Amino acid sequence: QLLITRGALTTFSVSNDVAKYFAIIP
């Protein structure tokens, strides 16, 4: 559970950053 929690939130965080590019850069 510890490993999948860390992996899940890492995936969520990286995906968040991708979305923020579309918010700020344009």
mmCIF file of all heavy atoms, coordinates in Angstrom:
data_MODEL
# 
_entry.id   MODEL 
# 
loop_
_atom_site.group_PDB 
_atom_site.id 
_atom_site.type_symbol 
_atom_site.label_atom_id 
_atom_site.label_alt_id 
_atom_site.label_comp_id 
_atom_site.label_asym_id 
_atom_site.label_entity_id 
_atom_site.label_seq_id 
_atom_site.pdbx_PDB_ins_code 
_atom_site.Cartn_x 
_atom_site.Cartn_y 
_atom_site.Cartn_z 
_atom_site.occupancy 
_atom_site.B_iso_or_equiv 
_atom_site.pdbx_formal_charge 
_atom_site.auth_seq_id 
_atom_site.auth_comp_id 
_atom_site.auth_asym_id 
_atom_site.auth_atom_id 
_atom_site.pdbx_PDB_model_num 
ATOM 1   N N   . GLN A 1 1  ? 0.834  -1.204 0.000   1.00 0.00 ? 1  GLN A N   1 
ATOM 2   C CA  . GLN A 1 1  ? 0.000  0.000  0.000   1.00 0.00 ? 1  GLN A CA  1 
ATOM 3   C C   . GLN A 1 1  ? 0.867  1.253  0.000   1.00 0.00 ? 1  GLN A C   1 
ATOM 4   O O   . GLN A 1 1  ? 0.562  2.236  -0.675  1.00 0.00 ? 1  GLN A O   1 
ATOM 5   C CB  . GLN A 1 1  ? -0.924 -0.007 1.215   1.00 0.00 ? 1  GLN A CB  1 
ATOM 6   C CG  . GLN A 1 1  ? -1.909 1.153  1.219   1.00 0.00 ? 1  GLN A CG  1 
ATOM 7   C CD  . GLN A 1 1  ? -2.758 1.192  2.477   1.00 0.00 ? 1  GLN A CD  1 
ATOM 8   O OE1 . GLN A 1 1  ? -2.305 0.851  3.566   1.00 0.00 ? 1  GLN A OE1 1 
ATOM 9   N NE2 . GLN A 1 1  ? -4.000 1.605  2.338   1.00 0.00 ? 1  GLN A NE2 1 
ATOM 10  N N   . LEU A 1 2  ? 1.971  1.217  0.749   1.00 0.00 ? 2  LEU A N   1 
ATOM 11  C CA  . LEU A 1 2  ? 2.896  2.353  0.762   1.00 0.00 ? 2  LEU A CA  1 
ATOM 12  C C   . LEU A 1 2  ? 3.450  2.608  -0.635  1.00 0.00 ? 2  LEU A C   1 
ATOM 13  O O   . LEU A 1 2  ? 3.488  3.760  -1.104  1.00 0.00 ? 2  LEU A O   1 
ATOM 14  C CB  . LEU A 1 2  ? 4.034  2.067  1.745   1.00 0.00 ? 2  LEU A CB  1 
ATOM 15  C CG  . LEU A 1 2  ? 5.231  3.032  1.705   1.00 0.00 ? 2  LEU A CG  1 
ATOM 16  C CD1 . LEU A 1 2  ? 4.812  4.430  2.126   1.00 0.00 ? 2  LEU A CD1 1 
ATOM 17  C CD2 . LEU A 1 2  ? 6.366  2.528  2.582   1.00 0.00 ? 2  LEU A CD2 1 
ATOM 18  N N   . LEU A 1 3  ? 3.865  1.554  -1.301  1.00 0.00 ? 3  LEU A N   1 
ATOM 19  C CA  . LEU A 1 3  ? 4.467  1.717  -2.628  1.00 0.00 ? 3  LEU A CA  1 
ATOM 20  C C   . LEU A 1 3  ? 3.458  2.225  -3.653  1.00 0.00 ? 3  LEU A C   1 
ATOM 21  O O   . LEU A 1 3  ? 3.768  3.113  -4.457  1.00 0.00 ? 3  LEU A O   1 
ATOM 22  C CB  . LEU A 1 3  ? 5.060  0.386  -3.088  1.00 0.00 ? 3  LEU A CB  1 
ATOM 23  C CG  . LEU A 1 3  ? 6.248  -0.150 -2.275  1.00 0.00 ? 3  LEU A CG  1 
ATOM 24  C CD1 . LEU A 1 3  ? 6.728  -1.479 -2.839  1.00 0.00 ? 3  LEU A CD1 1 
ATOM 25  C CD2 . LEU A 1 3  ? 7.387  0.856  -2.242  1.00 0.00 ? 3  LEU A CD2 1 
ATOM 26  N N   . ILE A 1 4  ? 2.230  1.674  -3.632  1.00 0.00 ? 4  ILE A N   1 
ATOM 27  C CA  . ILE A 1 4  ? 1.257  2.113  -4.638  1.00 0.00 ? 4  ILE A CA  1 
ATOM 28  C C   . ILE A 1 4  ? 0.745  3.512  -4.324  1.00 0.00 ? 4  ILE A C   1 
ATOM 29  O O   . ILE A 1 4  ? 0.392  4.263  -5.243  1.00 0.00 ? 4  ILE A O   1 
ATOM 30  C CB  . ILE A 1 4  ? 0.080  1.123  -4.769  1.00 0.00 ? 4  ILE A CB  1 
ATOM 31  C CG1 . ILE A 1 4  ? -0.749 1.052  -3.488  1.00 0.00 ? 4  ILE A CG1 1 
ATOM 32  C CG2 . ILE A 1 4  ? 0.565  -0.247 -5.166  1.00 0.00 ? 4  ILE A CG2 1 
ATOM 33  C CD1 . ILE A 1 4  ? -2.033 0.261  -3.653  1.00 0.00 ? 4  ILE A CD1 1 
ATOM 34  N N   . THR A 1 5  ? 0.723  3.899  -3.054  1.00 0.00 ? 5  THR A N   1 
ATOM 35  C CA  . THR A 1 5  ? 0.323  5.274  -2.712  1.00 0.00 ? 5  THR A CA  1 
ATOM 36  C C   . THR A 1 5  ? 1.335  6.264  -3.247  1.00 0.00 ? 5  THR A C   1 
ATOM 37  O O   . THR A 1 5  ? 0.982  7.292  -3.844  1.00 0.00 ? 5  THR A O   1 
ATOM 38  C CB  . THR A 1 5  ? 0.188  5.426  -1.190  1.00 0.00 ? 5  THR A CB  1 
ATOM 39  O OG1 . THR A 1 5  ? -0.802 4.528  -0.703  1.00 0.00 ? 5  THR A OG1 1 
ATOM 40  C CG2 . THR A 1 5  ? -0.215 6.851  -0.822  1.00 0.00 ? 5  THR A CG2 1 
ATOM 41  N N   . ARG A 1 6  ? 2.597  5.959  -3.028  1.00 0.00 ? 6  ARG A N   1 
ATOM 42  C CA  . ARG A 1 6  ? 3.648  6.840  -3.536  1.00 0.00 ? 6  ARG A CA  1 
ATOM 43  C C   . ARG A 1 6  ? 3.592  6.906  -5.066  1.00 0.00 ? 6  ARG A C   1 
ATOM 44  O O   . ARG A 1 6  ? 3.707  7.981  -5.657  1.00 0.00 ? 6  ARG A O   1 
ATOM 45  C CB  . ARG A 1 6  ? 5.011  6.320  -3.079  1.00 0.00 ? 6  ARG A CB  1 
ATOM 46  C CG  . ARG A 1 6  ? 6.166  7.246  -3.440  1.00 0.00 ? 6  ARG A CG  1 
ATOM 47  C CD  . ARG A 1 6  ? 7.485  6.598  -3.090  1.00 0.00 ? 6  ARG A CD  1 
ATOM 48  N NE  . ARG A 1 6  ? 7.582  6.401  -1.649  1.00 0.00 ? 6  ARG A NE  1 
ATOM 49  C CZ  . ARG A 1 6  ? 8.294  5.430  -1.083  1.00 0.00 ? 6  ARG A CZ  1 
ATOM 50  N NH1 . ARG A 1 6  ? 8.928  4.561  -1.837  1.00 0.00 ? 6  ARG A NH1 1 
ATOM 51  N NH2 . ARG A 1 6  ? 8.363  5.329  0.219   1.00 0.00 ? 6  ARG A NH2 1 
ATOM 52  N N   . GLY A 1 7  ? 3.397  5.745  -5.708  1.00 0.00 ? 7  GLY A N   1 
ATOM 53  C CA  . GLY A 1 7  ? 3.325  5.731  -7.167  1.00 0.00 ? 7  GLY A CA  1 
ATOM 54  C C   . GLY A 1 7  ? 2.118  6.476  -7.699  1.00 0.00 ? 7  GLY A C   1 
ATOM 55  O O   . GLY A 1 7  ? 2.208  7.207  -8.696  1.00 0.00 ? 7  GLY A O   1 
ATOM 56  N N   . ALA A 1 8  ? 0.959  6.316  -7.016  1.00 0.00 ? 8  ALA A N   1 
ATOM 57  C CA  . ALA A 1 8  ? -0.266 6.966  -7.476  1.00 0.00 ? 8  ALA A CA  1 
ATOM 58  C C   . ALA A 1 8  ? -0.151 8.485  -7.388  1.00 0.00 ? 8  ALA A C   1 
ATOM 59  O O   . ALA A 1 8  ? -0.522 9.211  -8.327  1.00 0.00 ? 8  ALA A O   1 
ATOM 60  C CB  . ALA A 1 8  ? -1.452 6.469  -6.646  1.00 0.00 ? 8  ALA A CB  1 
ATOM 61  N N   . LEU A 1 9  ? 0.374  8.983  -6.263  1.00 0.00 ? 9  LEU A N   1 
ATOM 62  C CA  . LEU A 1 9  ? 0.464  10.435 -6.099  1.00 0.00 ? 9  LEU A CA  1 
ATOM 63  C C   . LEU A 1 9  ? 1.570  11.028 -6.969  1.00 0.00 ? 9  LEU A C   1 
ATOM 64  O O   . LEU A 1 9  ? 1.478  12.199 -7.362  1.00 0.00 ? 9  LEU A O   1 
ATOM 65  C CB  . LEU A 1 9  ? 0.688  10.776 -4.622  1.00 0.00 ? 9  LEU A CB  1 
ATOM 66  C CG  . LEU A 1 9  ? -0.509 10.474 -3.719  1.00 0.00 ? 9  LEU A CG  1 
ATOM 67  C CD1 . LEU A 1 9  ? -0.253 10.940 -2.304  1.00 0.00 ? 9  LEU A CD1 1 
ATOM 68  C CD2 . LEU A 1 9  ? -1.781 11.135 -4.253  1.00 0.00 ? 9  LEU A CD2 1 
ATOM 69  N N   . THR A 1 10 ? 2.600  10.239 -7.260  1.00 0.00 ? 10 THR A N   1 
ATOM 70  C CA  . THR A 1 10 ? 3.609  10.722 -8.205  1.00 0.00 ? 10 THR A CA  1 
ATOM 71  C C   . THR A 1 10 ? 3.006  10.866 -9.600  1.00 0.00 ? 10 THR A C   1 
ATOM 72  O O   . THR A 1 10 ? 3.228  11.871 -10.292 1.00 0.00 ? 10 THR A O   1 
ATOM 73  C CB  . THR A 1 10 ? 4.804  9.743  -8.247  1.00 0.00 ? 10 THR A CB  1 
ATOM 74  O OG1 . THR A 1 10 ? 5.387  9.643  -6.949  1.00 0.00 ? 10 THR A OG1 1 
ATOM 75  C CG2 . THR A 1 10 ? 5.859  10.230 -9.230  1.00 0.00 ? 10 THR A CG2 1 
ATOM 76  N N   . THR A 1 11 ? 2.229  9.878  -10.007 1.00 0.00 ? 11 THR A N   1 
ATOM 77  C CA  . THR A 1 11 ? 1.542  9.947  -11.303 1.00 0.00 ? 11 THR A CA  1 
ATOM 78  C C   . THR A 1 11 ? 0.606  11.148 -11.356 1.00 0.00 ? 11 THR A C   1 
ATOM 79  O O   . THR A 1 11 ? 0.565  11.889 -12.349 1.00 0.00 ? 11 THR A O   1 
ATOM 80  C CB  . THR A 1 11 ? 0.744  8.656  -11.553 1.00 0.00 ? 11 THR A CB  1 
ATOM 81  O OG1 . THR A 1 11 ? 1.623  7.542  -11.487 1.00 0.00 ? 11 THR A OG1 1 
ATOM 82  C CG2 . THR A 1 11 ? 0.065  8.680  -12.913 1.00 0.00 ? 11 THR A CG2 1 
ATOM 83  N N   . PHE A 1 12 ? -0.148 11.346 -10.273 1.00 0.00 ? 12 PHE A N   1 
ATOM 84  C CA  . PHE A 1 12 ? -1.088 12.472 -10.212 1.00 0.00 ? 12 PHE A CA  1 
ATOM 85  C C   . PHE A 1 12 ? -0.337 13.793 -10.306 1.00 0.00 ? 12 PHE A C   1 
ATOM 86  O O   . PHE A 1 12 ? -0.759 14.720 -11.011 1.00 0.00 ? 12 PHE A O   1 
ATOM 87  C CB  . PHE A 1 12 ? -1.877 12.395 -8.903  1.00 0.00 ? 12 PHE A CB  1 
ATOM 88  C CG  . PHE A 1 12 ? -2.984 13.404 -8.790  1.00 0.00 ? 12 PHE A CG  1 
ATOM 89  C CD1 . PHE A 1 12 ? -4.267 13.097 -9.235  1.00 0.00 ? 12 PHE A CD1 1 
ATOM 90  C CD2 . PHE A 1 12 ? -2.759 14.659 -8.245  1.00 0.00 ? 12 PHE A CD2 1 
ATOM 91  C CE1 . PHE A 1 12 ? -5.291 14.030 -9.136  1.00 0.00 ? 12 PHE A CE1 1 
ATOM 92  C CE2 . PHE A 1 12 ? -3.771 15.592 -8.141  1.00 0.00 ? 12 PHE A CE2 1 
ATOM 93  C CZ  . PHE A 1 12 ? -5.048 15.271 -8.584  1.00 0.00 ? 12 PHE A CZ  1 
ATOM 94  N N   . SER A 1 13 ? 0.798  13.897 -9.596  1.00 0.00 ? 13 SER A N   1 
ATOM 95  C CA  . SER A 1 13 ? 1.557  15.146 -9.577  1.00 0.00 ? 13 SER A CA  1 
ATOM 96  C C   . SER A 1 13 ? 2.118  15.478 -10.955 1.00 0.00 ? 13 SER A C   1 
ATOM 97  O O   . SER A 1 13 ? 2.021  16.618 -11.420 1.00 0.00 ? 13 SER A O   1 
ATOM 98  C CB  . SER A 1 13 ? 2.698  15.035 -8.562  1.00 0.00 ? 13 SER A CB  1 
ATOM 99  O OG  . SER A 1 13 ? 3.474  16.209 -8.533  1.00 0.00 ? 13 SER A OG  1 
ATOM 100 N N   . VAL A 1 14 ? 2.696  14.492 -11.636 1.00 0.00 ? 14 VAL A N   1 
ATOM 101 C CA  . VAL A 1 14 ? 3.256  14.737 -12.972 1.00 0.00 ? 14 VAL A CA  1 
ATOM 102 C C   . VAL A 1 14 ? 2.150  15.132 -13.953 1.00 0.00 ? 14 VAL A C   1 
ATOM 103 O O   . VAL A 1 14 ? 2.318  16.050 -14.775 1.00 0.00 ? 14 VAL A O   1 
ATOM 104 C CB  . VAL A 1 14 ? 4.008  13.490 -13.459 1.00 0.00 ? 14 VAL A CB  1 
ATOM 105 C CG1 . VAL A 1 14 ? 4.443  13.655 -14.914 1.00 0.00 ? 14 VAL A CG1 1 
ATOM 106 C CG2 . VAL A 1 14 ? 5.224  13.221 -12.569 1.00 0.00 ? 14 VAL A CG2 1 
ATOM 107 N N   . SER A 1 15 ? 1.000  14.461 -13.880 1.00 0.00 ? 15 SER A N   1 
ATOM 108 C CA  . SER A 1 15 ? -0.125 14.801 -14.753 1.00 0.00 ? 15 SER A CA  1 
ATOM 109 C C   . SER A 1 15 ? -0.625 16.208 -14.473 1.00 0.00 ? 15 SER A C   1 
ATOM 110 O O   . SER A 1 15 ? -1.011 16.948 -15.390 1.00 0.00 ? 15 SER A O   1 
ATOM 111 C CB  . SER A 1 15 ? -1.260 13.795 -14.565 1.00 0.00 ? 15 SER A CB  1 
ATOM 112 O OG  . SER A 1 15 ? -0.837 12.489 -14.886 1.00 0.00 ? 15 SER A OG  1 
ATOM 113 N N   . ASN A 1 16 ? -0.614 16.603 -13.201 1.00 0.00 ? 16 ASN A N   1 
ATOM 114 C CA  . ASN A 1 16 ? -0.996 17.971 -12.826 1.00 0.00 ? 16 ASN A CA  1 
ATOM 115 C C   . ASN A 1 16 ? -0.130 18.990 -13.533 1.00 0.00 ? 16 ASN A C   1 
ATOM 116 O O   . ASN A 1 16 ? -0.620 20.008 -14.047 1.00 0.00 ? 16 ASN A O   1 
ATOM 117 C CB  . ASN A 1 16 ? -0.824 18.140 -11.306 1.00 0.00 ? 16 ASN A CB  1 
ATOM 118 C CG  . ASN A 1 16 ? -2.150 18.108 -10.573 1.00 0.00 ? 16 ASN A CG  1 
ATOM 119 O OD1 . ASN A 1 16 ? -2.680 19.134 -10.194 1.00 0.00 ? 16 ASN A OD1 1 
ATOM 120 N ND2 . ASN A 1 16 ? -2.692 16.916 -10.397 1.00 0.00 ? 16 ASN A ND2 1 
ATOM 121 N N   . ASP A 1 17 ? 1.179  18.721 -13.526 1.00 0.00 ? 17 ASP A N   1 
ATOM 122 C CA  . ASP A 1 17 ? 2.104  19.686 -14.119 1.00 0.00 ? 17 ASP A CA  1 
ATOM 123 C C   . ASP A 1 17 ? 1.848  19.855 -15.610 1.00 0.00 ? 17 ASP A C   1 
ATOM 124 O O   . ASP A 1 17 ? 1.928  20.966 -16.143 1.00 0.00 ? 17 ASP A O   1 
ATOM 125 C CB  . ASP A 1 17 ? 3.544  19.226 -13.886 1.00 0.00 ? 17 ASP A CB  1 
ATOM 126 C CG  . ASP A 1 17 ? 3.914  19.241 -12.409 1.00 0.00 ? 17 ASP A CG  1 
ATOM 127 O OD1 . ASP A 1 17 ? 3.258  19.978 -11.654 1.00 0.00 ? 17 ASP A OD1 1 
ATOM 128 O OD2 . ASP A 1 17 ? 4.833  18.506 -12.019 1.00 0.00 ? 17 ASP A OD2 1 
ATOM 129 N N   . VAL A 1 18 ? 1.532  18.749 -16.283 1.00 0.00 ? 18 VAL A N   1 
ATOM 130 C CA  . VAL A 1 18 ? 1.237  18.831 -17.714 1.00 0.00 ? 18 VAL A CA  1 
ATOM 131 C C   . VAL A 1 18 ? 0.040  19.750 -17.957 1.00 0.00 ? 18 VAL A C   1 
ATOM 132 O O   . VAL A 1 18 ? 0.041  20.594 -18.864 1.00 0.00 ? 18 VAL A O   1 
ATOM 133 C CB  . VAL A 1 18 ? 0.966  17.428 -18.288 1.00 0.00 ? 18 VAL A CB  1 
ATOM 134 C CG1 . VAL A 1 18 ? 0.476  17.529 -19.731 1.00 0.00 ? 18 VAL A CG1 1 
ATOM 135 C CG2 . VAL A 1 18 ? 2.222  16.572 -18.210 1.00 0.00 ? 18 VAL A CG2 1 
ATOM 136 N N   . ALA A 1 19 ? -0.994 19.609 -17.122 1.00 0.00 ? 19 ALA A N   1 
ATOM 137 C CA  . ALA A 1 19 ? -2.195 20.427 -17.298 1.00 0.00 ? 19 ALA A CA  1 
ATOM 138 C C   . ALA A 1 19 ? -1.915 21.902 -17.040 1.00 0.00 ? 19 ALA A C   1 
ATOM 139 O O   . ALA A 1 19 ? -2.512 22.781 -17.684 1.00 0.00 ? 19 ALA A O   1 
ATOM 140 C CB  . ALA A 1 19 ? -3.292 19.920 -16.363 1.00 0.00 ? 19 ALA A CB  1 
ATOM 141 N N   . LYS A 1 20 ? -1.000 22.179 -16.096 1.00 0.00 ? 20 LYS A N   1 
ATOM 142 C CA  . LYS A 1 20 ? -0.712 23.585 -15.771 1.00 0.00 ? 20 LYS A CA  1 
ATOM 143 C C   . LYS A 1 20 ? -0.021 24.301 -16.927 1.00 0.00 ? 20 LYS A C   1 
ATOM 144 O O   . LYS A 1 20 ? -0.112 25.532 -17.041 1.00 0.00 ? 20 LYS A O   1 
ATOM 145 C CB  . LYS A 1 20 ? 0.150  23.659 -14.503 1.00 0.00 ? 20 LYS A CB  1 
ATOM 146 C CG  . LYS A 1 20 ? -0.587 23.226 -13.238 1.00 0.00 ? 20 LYS A CG  1 
ATOM 147 C CD  . LYS A 1 20 ? 0.391  23.068 -12.087 1.00 0.00 ? 20 LYS A CD  1 
ATOM 148 C CE  . LYS A 1 20 ? -0.242 22.311 -10.932 1.00 0.00 ? 20 LYS A CE  1 
ATOM 149 N NZ  . LYS A 1 20 ? 0.754  21.927 -9.909  1.00 0.00 ? 20 LYS A NZ  1 
ATOM 150 N N   . TYR A 1 21 ? 0.696  23.543 -17.760 1.00 0.00 ? 21 TYR A N   1 
ATOM 151 C CA  . TYR A 1 21 ? 1.298  24.188 -18.929 1.00 0.00 ? 21 TYR A CA  1 
ATOM 152 C C   . TYR A 1 21 ? 0.220  24.865 -19.771 1.00 0.00 ? 21 TYR A C   1 
ATOM 153 O O   . TYR A 1 21 ? 0.401  25.976 -20.284 1.00 0.00 ? 21 TYR A O   1 
ATOM 154 C CB  . TYR A 1 21 ? 2.027  23.167 -19.801 1.00 0.00 ? 21 TYR A CB  1 
ATOM 155 C CG  . TYR A 1 21 ? 3.095  22.362 -19.112 1.00 0.00 ? 21 TYR A CG  1 
ATOM 156 C CD1 . TYR A 1 21 ? 3.471  21.121 -19.615 1.00 0.00 ? 21 TYR A CD1 1 
ATOM 157 C CD2 . TYR A 1 21 ? 3.742  22.836 -17.975 1.00 0.00 ? 21 TYR A CD2 1 
ATOM 158 C CE1 . TYR A 1 21 ? 4.456  20.364 -19.003 1.00 0.00 ? 21 TYR A CE1 1 
ATOM 159 C CE2 . TYR A 1 21 ? 4.718  22.086 -17.355 1.00 0.00 ? 21 TYR A CE2 1 
ATOM 160 C CZ  . TYR A 1 21 ? 5.072  20.843 -17.863 1.00 0.00 ? 21 TYR A CZ  1 
ATOM 161 O OH  . TYR A 1 21 ? 6.038  20.095 -17.263 1.00 0.00 ? 21 TYR A OH  1 
ATOM 162 N N   . PHE A 1 22 ? -0.917 24.182 -19.929 1.00 0.00 ? 22 PHE A N   1 
ATOM 163 C CA  . PHE A 1 22 ? -2.004 24.720 -20.749 1.00 0.00 ? 22 PHE A CA  1 
ATOM 164 C C   . PHE A 1 22 ? -2.683 25.909 -20.072 1.00 0.00 ? 22 PHE A C   1 
ATOM 165 O O   . PHE A 1 22 ? -3.354 26.692 -20.723 1.00 0.00 ? 22 PHE A O   1 
ATOM 166 C CB  . PHE A 1 22 ? -3.042 23.631 -21.023 1.00 0.00 ? 22 PHE A CB  1 
ATOM 167 C CG  . PHE A 1 22 ? -2.560 22.564 -21.955 1.00 0.00 ? 22 PHE A CG  1 
ATOM 168 C CD1 . PHE A 1 22 ? -1.924 21.440 -21.473 1.00 0.00 ? 22 PHE A CD1 1 
ATOM 169 C CD2 . PHE A 1 22 ? -2.725 22.685 -23.321 1.00 0.00 ? 22 PHE A CD2 1 
ATOM 170 C CE1 . PHE A 1 22 ? -1.466 20.455 -22.330 1.00 0.00 ? 22 PHE A CE1 1 
ATOM 171 C CE2 . PHE A 1 22 ? -2.272 21.707 -24.192 1.00 0.00 ? 22 PHE A CE2 1 
ATOM 172 C CZ  . PHE A 1 22 ? -1.634 20.586 -23.699 1.00 0.00 ? 22 PHE A CZ  1 
ATOM 173 N N   . ALA A 1 23 ? -2.524 26.043 -18.779 1.00 0.00 ? 23 ALA A N   1 
ATOM 174 C CA  . ALA A 1 23 ? -3.163 27.154 -18.068 1.00 0.00 ? 23 ALA A CA  1 
ATOM 175 C C   . ALA A 1 23 ? -2.334 28.419 -18.147 1.00 0.00 ? 23 ALA A C   1 
ATOM 176 O O   . ALA A 1 23 ? -2.864 29.520 -18.353 1.00 0.00 ? 23 ALA A O   1 
ATOM 177 C CB  . ALA A 1 23 ? -3.393 26.770 -16.605 1.00 0.00 ? 23 ALA A CB  1 
ATOM 178 N N   . ILE A 1 24 ? -0.996 28.272 -18.000 1.00 0.00 ? 24 ILE A N   1 
ATOM 179 C CA  . ILE A 1 24 ? -0.161 29.454 -17.819 1.00 0.00 ? 24 ILE A CA  1 
ATOM 180 C C   . ILE A 1 24 ? 0.501  29.905 -19.130 1.00 0.00 ? 24 ILE A C   1 
ATOM 181 O O   . ILE A 1 24 ? 0.405  31.081 -19.505 1.00 0.00 ? 24 ILE A O   1 
ATOM 182 C CB  . ILE A 1 24 ? 0.918  29.182 -16.745 1.00 0.00 ? 24 ILE A CB  1 
ATOM 183 C CG1 . ILE A 1 24 ? 0.251  28.833 -15.414 1.00 0.00 ? 24 ILE A CG1 1 
ATOM 184 C CG2 . ILE A 1 24 ? 1.822  30.383 -16.580 1.00 0.00 ? 24 ILE A CG2 1 
ATOM 185 C CD1 . ILE A 1 24 ? 1.231  28.503 -14.308 1.00 0.00 ? 24 ILE A CD1 1 
ATOM 186 N N   . ILE A 1 25 ? 1.166  28.974 -19.803 1.00 0.00 ? 25 ILE A N   1 
ATOM 187 C CA  . ILE A 1 25 ? 1.960  29.366 -20.978 1.00 0.00 ? 25 ILE A CA  1 
ATOM 188 C C   . ILE A 1 25 ? 1.102  30.064 -22.042 1.00 0.00 ? 25 ILE A C   1 
ATOM 189 O O   . ILE A 1 25 ? 1.464  31.154 -22.524 1.00 0.00 ? 25 ILE A O   1 
ATOM 190 C CB  . ILE A 1 25 ? 2.693  28.145 -21.565 1.00 0.00 ? 25 ILE A CB  1 
ATOM 191 C CG1 . ILE A 1 25 ? 3.614  27.515 -20.512 1.00 0.00 ? 25 ILE A CG1 1 
ATOM 192 C CG2 . ILE A 1 25 ? 3.485  28.534 -22.810 1.00 0.00 ? 25 ILE A CG2 1 
ATOM 193 C CD1 . ILE A 1 25 ? 4.711  28.419 -20.041 1.00 0.00 ? 25 ILE A CD1 1 
ATOM 194 N N   . PRO A 1 26 ? -0.036 29.493 -22.446 1.00 0.00 ? 26 PRO A N   1 
ATOM 195 C CA  . PRO A 1 26 ? -0.839 30.197 -23.465 1.00 0.00 ? 26 PRO A CA  1 
ATOM 196 C C   . PRO A 1 26 ? -1.327 31.560 -22.992 1.00 0.00 ? 26 PRO A C   1 
ATOM 197 O O   . PRO A 1 26 ? -1.366 32.522 -23.778 1.00 0.00 ? 26 PRO A O   1 
ATOM 198 C CB  . PRO A 1 26 ? -2.017 29.249 -23.710 1.00 0.00 ? 26 PRO A CB  1 
ATOM 199 C CG  . PRO A 1 26 ? -1.530 27.913 -23.271 1.00 0.00 ? 26 PRO A CG  1 
ATOM 200 C CD  . PRO A 1 26 ? -0.638 28.193 -22.114 1.00 0.00 ? 26 PRO A CD  1 
# 
